[in-house]
Amino acid sequence: PKVALLLELASYLDPRFRDRYLQNREDTLSIIKEECLSLMDESTEPSPPPEPEPPQPKKKCIGLGAILTTIAQAESSSGTAVLTPEMTVQSEMTAYLEFPQTEPNANP
């Protein structure tokens, strides 16, 4: 059973095969999700809050560049969504499965 699980995990992680040959697809995917979440927990150790930067004096910019910069900054600050670790792992796994197929004889 451990060897079979190891082979299923290796098959999923190989971009040539992904989930094509998994016999226990749901079990294998749940194990991979749990492992990814545990790795995310290890890498997100609490760190001290960053020190605030001193305010920069604002320059009076006029022109198309200044307008586009202002719009881009407003979009980036208002469009940030906080993803839970579970949502992040699920979106990464979905993106991985949607990548174009790799040739079977190619070197991954």
N, C-alpha and C. Protein backbone atom coordinates (compact mmCIF):
# COMPACT_ATOMS: atom_id res chain seq x y z
N PRO A 1 0.81 -1.22 0.00
CA PRO A 1 0.00 0.00 0.00
C PRO A 1 0.85 1.27 0.00
N LYS A 2 1.97 1.28 0.76
CA LYS A 2 2.79 2.49 0.78
C LYS A 2 3.46 2.72 -0.56
N VAL A 3 3.87 1.63 -1.21
CA VAL A 3 4.51 1.76 -2.52
C VAL A 3 3.49 2.25 -3.54
N ALA A 4 2.27 1.72 -3.48
CA ALA A 4 1.23 2.15 -4.41
C ALA A 4 0.92 3.63 -4.22
N LEU A 5 0.85 4.07 -2.97
CA LEU A 5 0.60 5.48 -2.69
C LEU A 5 1.74 6.34 -3.20
N LEU A 6 2.95 5.91 -2.97
CA LEU A 6 4.11 6.64 -3.45
C LEU A 6 4.10 6.77 -4.97
N LEU A 7 3.74 5.69 -5.66
CA LEU A 7 3.67 5.72 -7.12
C LEU A 7 2.56 6.65 -7.62
N GLU A 8 1.45 6.68 -6.90
CA GLU A 8 0.37 7.58 -7.29
C GLU A 8 0.77 9.04 -7.08
N LEU A 9 1.45 9.33 -5.98
CA LEU A 9 1.91 10.69 -5.72
C LEU A 9 2.93 11.11 -6.78
N ALA A 10 3.85 10.23 -7.10
CA ALA A 10 4.86 10.53 -8.11
C ALA A 10 4.22 10.73 -9.48
N SER A 11 3.22 9.92 -9.78
CA SER A 11 2.53 10.04 -11.07
C SER A 11 1.82 11.39 -11.17
N TYR A 12 1.17 11.80 -10.09
CA TYR A 12 0.47 13.09 -10.11
C TYR A 12 1.45 14.25 -10.27
N LEU A 13 2.59 14.16 -9.61
CA LEU A 13 3.55 15.25 -9.65
C LEU A 13 4.33 15.30 -10.96
N ASP A 14 4.31 14.24 -11.73
CA ASP A 14 4.98 14.22 -13.03
C ASP A 14 4.06 14.87 -14.06
N PRO A 15 4.49 15.98 -14.67
CA PRO A 15 3.59 16.69 -15.60
C PRO A 15 3.23 15.89 -16.85
N ARG A 16 3.92 14.80 -17.09
CA ARG A 16 3.57 13.98 -18.25
C ARG A 16 2.33 13.14 -17.98
N PHE A 17 2.06 12.83 -16.71
CA PHE A 17 0.97 11.92 -16.38
C PHE A 17 -0.15 12.58 -15.56
N ARG A 18 0.23 13.47 -14.64
CA ARG A 18 -0.71 14.15 -13.75
C ARG A 18 -1.69 13.18 -13.12
N ASP A 19 -2.99 13.38 -13.36
CA ASP A 19 -3.98 12.50 -12.72
C ASP A 19 -4.53 11.45 -13.68
N ARG A 20 -3.86 11.26 -14.79
CA ARG A 20 -4.35 10.35 -15.82
C ARG A 20 -4.42 8.90 -15.33
N TYR A 21 -3.46 8.44 -14.55
CA TYR A 21 -3.39 7.03 -14.16
C TYR A 21 -3.65 6.79 -12.68
N LEU A 22 -4.27 7.73 -12.01
CA LEU A 22 -4.53 7.55 -10.58
C LEU A 22 -5.69 6.58 -10.38
N GLN A 23 -5.48 5.60 -9.52
CA GLN A 23 -6.56 4.66 -9.22
C GLN A 23 -7.42 5.19 -8.08
N ASN A 24 -6.81 5.79 -7.09
CA ASN A 24 -7.52 6.38 -5.95
C ASN A 24 -7.38 7.90 -6.03
N ARG A 25 -8.01 8.49 -7.01
CA ARG A 25 -7.82 9.92 -7.31
C ARG A 25 -8.12 10.80 -6.10
N GLU A 26 -9.28 10.62 -5.50
CA GLU A 26 -9.69 11.49 -4.39
C GLU A 26 -8.74 11.35 -3.19
N ASP A 27 -8.36 10.14 -2.87
CA ASP A 27 -7.43 9.93 -1.75
C ASP A 27 -6.08 10.58 -2.03
N THR A 28 -5.59 10.39 -3.24
CA THR A 28 -4.28 10.95 -3.59
C THR A 28 -4.33 12.47 -3.57
N LEU A 29 -5.38 13.05 -4.13
CA LEU A 29 -5.48 14.52 -4.14
C LEU A 29 -5.63 15.08 -2.73
N SER A 30 -6.35 14.39 -1.87
CA SER A 30 -6.49 14.90 -0.49
C SER A 30 -5.16 14.83 0.25
N ILE A 31 -4.35 13.80 0.00
CA ILE A 31 -3.04 13.70 0.63
C ILE A 31 -2.14 14.83 0.14
N ILE A 32 -2.19 15.12 -1.15
CA ILE A 32 -1.37 16.19 -1.71
C ILE A 32 -1.81 17.54 -1.13
N LYS A 33 -3.11 17.77 -1.02
CA LYS A 33 -3.61 19.02 -0.44
C LYS A 33 -3.13 19.18 1.00
N GLU A 34 -3.24 18.10 1.79
CA GLU A 34 -2.80 18.16 3.19
C GLU A 34 -1.31 18.47 3.28
N GLU A 35 -0.52 17.85 2.42
CA GLU A 35 0.92 18.09 2.44
C GLU A 35 1.24 19.54 2.05
N CYS A 36 0.54 20.05 1.05
CA CYS A 36 0.75 21.45 0.64
C CYS A 36 0.38 22.40 1.77
N LEU A 37 -0.73 22.13 2.43
CA LEU A 37 -1.16 23.00 3.53
C LEU A 37 -0.15 22.95 4.68
N SER A 38 0.39 21.77 4.96
CA SER A 38 1.37 21.70 6.05
C SER A 38 2.65 22.44 5.67
N LEU A 39 3.04 22.39 4.40
CA LEU A 39 4.21 23.14 3.96
C LEU A 39 3.96 24.65 4.02
N MET A 40 2.74 25.06 3.71
CA MET A 40 2.40 26.48 3.79
C MET A 40 2.43 26.95 5.24
N ASP A 41 1.95 26.10 6.17
CA ASP A 41 1.97 26.46 7.59
C ASP A 41 3.39 26.63 8.09
N GLU A 42 4.30 25.76 7.63
CA GLU A 42 5.70 25.85 8.05
C GLU A 42 6.36 27.11 7.52
N SER A 43 5.99 27.50 6.30
CA SER A 43 6.65 28.64 5.68
C SER A 43 6.08 29.98 6.13
N THR A 44 4.92 29.97 6.77
CA THR A 44 4.30 31.22 7.20
C THR A 44 4.45 31.42 8.69
N GLU A 45 5.69 31.36 9.15
CA GLU A 45 5.95 31.62 10.56
C GLU A 45 5.71 33.11 10.82
N PRO A 46 5.22 33.42 12.01
CA PRO A 46 4.97 34.83 12.31
C PRO A 46 6.26 35.65 12.25
N SER A 47 6.19 36.75 11.60
CA SER A 47 7.34 37.64 11.51
C SER A 47 6.98 38.98 12.12
N PRO A 48 7.98 39.71 12.58
CA PRO A 48 7.65 41.01 13.16
C PRO A 48 7.05 41.93 12.11
N PRO A 49 6.15 42.80 12.52
CA PRO A 49 5.53 43.69 11.54
C PRO A 49 6.58 44.61 10.92
N PRO A 50 6.43 44.91 9.65
CA PRO A 50 7.41 45.78 9.00
C PRO A 50 7.33 47.20 9.57
N GLU A 51 8.49 47.83 9.61
CA GLU A 51 8.52 49.20 10.11
C GLU A 51 7.95 50.12 9.03
N PRO A 52 7.12 51.07 9.44
CA PRO A 52 6.54 51.96 8.44
C PRO A 52 7.62 52.84 7.81
N GLU A 53 7.49 53.02 6.52
CA GLU A 53 8.44 53.87 5.80
C GLU A 53 8.06 55.33 5.99
N PRO A 54 9.06 56.19 6.04
CA PRO A 54 8.71 57.61 6.16
C PRO A 54 7.99 58.06 4.89
N PRO A 55 7.02 58.95 5.05
CA PRO A 55 6.27 59.39 3.87
C PRO A 55 7.18 60.14 2.89
N GLN A 56 7.00 59.81 1.62
CA GLN A 56 7.76 60.46 0.56
C GLN A 56 7.05 61.76 0.17
N PRO A 57 7.81 62.79 -0.08
CA PRO A 57 7.16 64.02 -0.54
C PRO A 57 6.53 63.78 -1.91
N LYS A 58 5.29 64.22 -2.05
CA LYS A 58 4.57 64.00 -3.30
C LYS A 58 4.98 65.04 -4.33
N LYS A 59 5.22 64.52 -5.53
CA LYS A 59 5.52 65.41 -6.65
C LYS A 59 4.24 65.69 -7.40
N LYS A 60 4.13 66.84 -7.89
CA LYS A 60 2.96 67.21 -8.66
C LYS A 60 3.19 66.79 -10.10
N CYS A 61 2.62 65.63 -10.50
CA CYS A 61 2.77 65.13 -11.86
C CYS A 61 1.50 65.44 -12.65
N ILE A 62 1.71 65.91 -13.81
CA ILE A 62 0.59 66.18 -14.70
C ILE A 62 0.88 65.47 -16.02
N GLY A 63 -0.12 64.77 -16.50
CA GLY A 63 0.04 64.10 -17.78
C GLY A 63 -0.58 62.73 -17.78
N LEU A 64 -0.51 62.08 -18.92
CA LEU A 64 -1.12 60.76 -19.09
C LEU A 64 -0.47 59.73 -18.18
N GLY A 65 0.85 59.78 -18.02
CA GLY A 65 1.54 58.83 -17.16
C GLY A 65 1.05 58.91 -15.73
N ALA A 66 0.85 60.10 -15.23
CA ALA A 66 0.38 60.28 -13.86
C ALA A 66 -1.05 59.75 -13.70
N ILE A 67 -1.88 59.97 -14.69
CA ILE A 67 -3.26 59.49 -14.63
C ILE A 67 -3.29 57.96 -14.64
N LEU A 68 -2.51 57.36 -15.55
CA LEU A 68 -2.49 55.90 -15.63
C LEU A 68 -1.90 55.27 -14.37
N THR A 69 -0.90 55.91 -13.79
CA THR A 69 -0.32 55.41 -12.55
C THR A 69 -1.33 55.45 -11.42
N THR A 70 -2.07 56.53 -11.33
CA THR A 70 -3.09 56.67 -10.29
C THR A 70 -4.17 55.61 -10.45
N ILE A 71 -4.59 55.35 -11.68
CA ILE A 71 -5.62 54.34 -11.93
C ILE A 71 -5.10 52.96 -11.57
N ALA A 72 -3.87 52.65 -11.97
CA ALA A 72 -3.29 51.33 -11.68
C ALA A 72 -3.15 51.12 -10.18
N GLN A 73 -2.74 52.13 -9.45
CA GLN A 73 -2.60 52.00 -8.00
C GLN A 73 -3.96 51.80 -7.34
N ALA A 74 -4.98 52.49 -7.81
CA ALA A 74 -6.32 52.34 -7.24
C ALA A 74 -6.86 50.94 -7.51
N GLU A 75 -6.63 50.41 -8.71
CA GLU A 75 -7.11 49.07 -9.04
C GLU A 75 -6.40 48.01 -8.23
N SER A 76 -5.09 48.16 -8.06
CA SER A 76 -4.34 47.14 -7.33
C SER A 76 -4.67 47.15 -5.85
N SER A 77 -4.95 48.30 -5.28
CA SER A 77 -5.25 48.35 -3.85
C SER A 77 -6.68 47.91 -3.56
N SER A 78 -7.61 48.13 -4.47
CA SER A 78 -8.99 47.75 -4.21
C SER A 78 -9.30 46.34 -4.66
N GLY A 79 -8.49 45.78 -5.54
CA GLY A 79 -8.77 44.46 -6.09
C GLY A 79 -8.06 43.32 -5.39
N THR A 80 -7.44 43.56 -4.25
CA THR A 80 -6.72 42.50 -3.58
C THR A 80 -7.69 41.69 -2.73
N ALA A 81 -7.73 40.40 -2.96
CA ALA A 81 -8.59 39.52 -2.18
C ALA A 81 -7.70 38.63 -1.33
N VAL A 82 -8.15 38.37 -0.13
CA VAL A 82 -7.40 37.52 0.78
C VAL A 82 -7.86 36.08 0.55
N LEU A 83 -6.93 35.22 0.13
CA LEU A 83 -7.25 33.83 -0.10
C LEU A 83 -6.83 33.01 1.10
N THR A 84 -7.66 32.07 1.47
CA THR A 84 -7.29 31.16 2.53
C THR A 84 -6.25 30.18 1.98
N PRO A 85 -5.48 29.54 2.82
CA PRO A 85 -4.51 28.56 2.33
C PRO A 85 -5.18 27.45 1.51
N GLU A 86 -6.37 27.03 1.93
CA GLU A 86 -7.09 25.98 1.20
C GLU A 86 -7.44 26.45 -0.21
N MET A 87 -7.89 27.69 -0.32
CA MET A 87 -8.24 28.24 -1.63
C MET A 87 -7.00 28.37 -2.51
N THR A 88 -5.89 28.75 -1.92
CA THR A 88 -4.64 28.88 -2.67
C THR A 88 -4.19 27.53 -3.20
N VAL A 89 -4.22 26.50 -2.35
CA VAL A 89 -3.80 25.17 -2.77
C VAL A 89 -4.73 24.65 -3.87
N GLN A 90 -6.03 24.84 -3.69
CA GLN A 90 -6.99 24.36 -4.69
C GLN A 90 -6.78 25.05 -6.03
N SER A 91 -6.54 26.36 -6.01
CA SER A 91 -6.33 27.07 -7.27
C SER A 91 -5.03 26.65 -7.94
N GLU A 92 -3.99 26.38 -7.16
CA GLU A 92 -2.73 25.91 -7.74
C GLU A 92 -2.88 24.53 -8.36
N MET A 93 -3.61 23.65 -7.68
CA MET A 93 -3.81 22.31 -8.22
C MET A 93 -4.66 22.35 -9.49
N THR A 94 -5.66 23.20 -9.51
CA THR A 94 -6.50 23.33 -10.70
C THR A 94 -5.68 23.88 -11.86
N ALA A 95 -4.86 24.90 -11.59
CA ALA A 95 -4.01 25.47 -12.64
C ALA A 95 -3.03 24.43 -13.17
N TYR A 96 -2.48 23.60 -12.28
CA TYR A 96 -1.54 22.56 -12.68
C TYR A 96 -2.20 21.57 -13.64
N LEU A 97 -3.43 21.19 -13.34
CA LEU A 97 -4.13 20.24 -14.20
C LEU A 97 -4.56 20.85 -15.52
N GLU A 98 -4.65 22.19 -15.59
CA GLU A 98 -5.07 22.85 -16.82
C GLU A 98 -3.91 23.21 -17.74
N PHE A 99 -2.67 23.01 -17.29
CA PHE A 99 -1.52 23.26 -18.17
C PHE A 99 -1.61 22.36 -19.39
N PRO A 100 -1.05 22.79 -20.50
CA PRO A 100 -1.05 21.92 -21.69
C PRO A 100 -0.33 20.61 -21.41
N GLN A 101 -0.77 19.57 -22.10
CA GLN A 101 -0.17 18.25 -21.93
C GLN A 101 1.30 18.28 -22.33
N THR A 102 2.11 17.55 -21.58
CA THR A 102 3.52 17.38 -21.87
C THR A 102 3.69 16.08 -22.64
N GLU A 103 4.57 16.10 -23.62
CA GLU A 103 4.82 14.88 -24.40
C GLU A 103 5.32 13.78 -23.48
N PRO A 104 4.85 12.54 -23.71
CA PRO A 104 5.26 11.43 -22.83
C PRO A 104 6.79 11.18 -22.84
N ASN A 105 7.44 11.47 -23.94
CA ASN A 105 8.89 11.24 -24.01
C ASN A 105 9.71 12.45 -23.63
N ALA A 106 9.05 13.54 -23.28
CA ALA A 106 9.75 14.78 -22.92
C ALA A 106 10.33 14.66 -21.52
N ASN A 107 11.34 15.45 -21.26
CA ASN A 107 11.94 15.49 -19.94
C ASN A 107 11.22 16.56 -19.13
N PRO A 108 10.52 16.17 -18.06
CA PRO A 108 9.75 17.18 -17.31
C PRO A 108 10.68 18.10 -16.57
